[in-house]
Amino acid sequence: MNEITTLKWVLAVVAGLLLGTMFFVGLWWTVRKAIFSQRPALWLLGSQLLRTSLTLTGFYVVSGGHWQRLLACLLGFVIARFIVIKFTGRPVALPSFSRKEAGHATES
């Protein structure tokens, strides 16, 4: 393997890291924004369409028709997921409603 091919693989992984970071930070931000929004479905749907479109376009451009580069980009994308989770923290469980509050729906 020559230096140019190695450089293309490294750049594909870096591009995957950038795409993954954009995708997962965008998801984190959207969920935080949607929780307090009057129209959370609009936030979630719009964000999903935008993040998916940008990510798939990025994968297409980076791959350049080579499945090896696509795989390297995907590797960077997956690594970015773990990095973003490390920095944003694990999801915190929201307090659940007690049975007493929802008793009218469960009583026969």
Protein backbone atom coordinates (compact mmCIF):
# COMPACT_ATOMS: atom_id res chain seq x y z
CA MET A 1 0.00 0.00 0.00
CA ASN A 2 1.50 3.33 -0.98
CA GLU A 3 1.38 6.61 0.95
CA ILE A 4 -1.40 8.17 -1.12
CA THR A 5 -3.74 5.24 -0.50
CA THR A 6 -2.96 5.33 3.22
CA LEU A 7 -3.63 9.06 3.29
CA LYS A 8 -7.01 8.56 1.61
CA TRP A 9 -7.96 5.98 4.26
CA VAL A 10 -6.90 8.26 7.09
CA LEU A 11 -8.80 11.18 5.58
CA ALA A 12 -11.87 8.96 5.20
CA VAL A 13 -11.72 8.02 8.89
CA VAL A 14 -11.29 11.69 9.87
CA ALA A 15 -14.24 12.64 7.65
CA GLY A 16 -16.28 9.91 9.34
CA LEU A 17 -15.31 11.32 12.73
CA LEU A 18 -16.46 14.77 11.66
CA LEU A 19 -19.71 13.47 10.16
CA GLY A 20 -20.41 11.36 13.24
CA THR A 21 -19.68 14.22 15.59
CA MET A 22 -22.01 16.48 13.63
CA PHE A 23 -24.73 13.83 13.57
CA PHE A 24 -24.63 12.82 17.24
CA VAL A 25 -24.05 16.30 18.69
CA GLY A 26 -26.94 17.46 16.52
CA LEU A 27 -29.08 14.64 17.90
CA TRP A 28 -28.11 15.52 21.48
CA TRP A 29 -28.87 19.20 20.92
CA THR A 30 -32.19 18.45 19.21
CA VAL A 31 -33.43 16.21 22.00
CA ARG A 32 -32.53 18.82 24.61
CA LYS A 33 -34.28 21.51 22.57
CA ALA A 34 -37.36 19.36 21.81
CA ILE A 35 -38.01 18.52 25.47
CA PHE A 36 -39.00 22.11 26.22
CA SER A 37 -40.48 22.97 22.83
CA GLN A 38 -44.14 23.52 22.05
CA ARG A 39 -43.65 21.46 18.87
CA PRO A 40 -41.14 18.70 19.62
CA ALA A 41 -42.16 16.58 16.62
CA LEU A 42 -41.21 19.41 14.27
CA TRP A 43 -37.78 19.72 15.90
CA LEU A 44 -37.17 15.97 15.82
CA LEU A 45 -38.36 15.44 12.25
CA GLY A 46 -36.57 18.47 10.84
CA SER A 47 -33.35 17.60 12.62
CA GLN A 48 -33.51 13.97 11.50
CA LEU A 49 -33.98 14.94 7.87
CA LEU A 50 -31.16 17.50 7.98
CA ARG A 51 -28.69 15.29 9.88
CA THR A 52 -29.39 12.23 7.71
CA SER A 53 -29.14 14.20 4.47
CA LEU A 54 -25.83 15.79 5.43
CA THR A 55 -24.39 12.49 6.66
CA LEU A 56 -25.40 10.46 3.61
CA THR A 57 -24.12 13.18 1.29
CA GLY A 58 -20.85 13.19 3.20
CA PHE A 59 -20.54 9.40 2.93
CA TYR A 60 -21.20 9.60 -0.80
CA VAL A 61 -18.60 12.31 -1.37
CA VAL A 62 -15.95 10.66 0.83
CA SER A 63 -16.38 7.21 -0.68
CA GLY A 64 -15.85 8.39 -4.24
CA GLY A 65 -17.24 5.08 -5.44
CA HIS A 66 -14.78 3.00 -3.36
CA TRP A 67 -16.32 0.71 -0.76
CA GLN A 68 -13.06 0.67 1.23
CA ARG A 69 -13.23 4.42 1.84
CA LEU A 70 -16.91 4.13 2.69
CA LEU A 71 -16.05 1.49 5.28
CA ALA A 72 -13.27 3.68 6.73
CA CYS A 73 -15.69 6.62 6.91
CA LEU A 74 -18.25 4.44 8.67
CA LEU A 75 -15.59 3.36 11.16
CA GLY A 76 -14.90 7.01 11.99
CA PHE A 77 -18.65 7.64 12.30
CA VAL A 78 -19.04 4.83 14.85
CA ILE A 79 -15.99 5.98 16.82
CA ALA A 80 -17.49 9.48 16.94
CA ARG A 81 -20.60 8.04 18.58
CA PHE A 82 -18.57 6.77 21.52
CA ILE A 83 -16.64 10.04 21.79
CA VAL A 84 -19.82 12.12 21.83
CA ILE A 85 -21.36 9.85 24.48
CA LYS A 86 -18.21 10.26 26.57
CA PHE A 87 -18.43 14.06 26.46
CA THR A 88 -22.21 14.50 26.70
CA GLY A 89 -22.77 11.79 29.30
CA ARG A 90 -25.12 8.88 29.45
CA PRO A 91 -28.84 9.60 29.18
CA VAL A 92 -30.44 10.39 32.52
CA ALA A 93 -33.63 8.53 33.33
CA LEU A 94 -36.57 10.86 33.68
CA PRO A 95 -38.77 10.36 36.73
CA SER A 96 -41.61 8.02 35.89
CA PHE A 97 -45.20 8.62 36.81
CA SER A 98 -46.49 6.68 39.77
CA ARG A 99 -49.26 4.16 39.39
CA LYS A 100 -51.48 6.30 41.58
CA GLU A 101 -51.38 9.16 39.07
CA ALA A 102 -52.14 6.86 36.15
CA GLY A 103 -54.52 4.64 38.12
CA HIS A 104 -57.58 5.72 36.19
CA ALA A 105 -56.11 4.27 33.00
CA THR A 106 -55.17 0.91 34.50
CA GLU A 107 -58.24 0.18 36.63
CA SER A 108 -60.81 -2.26 35.27
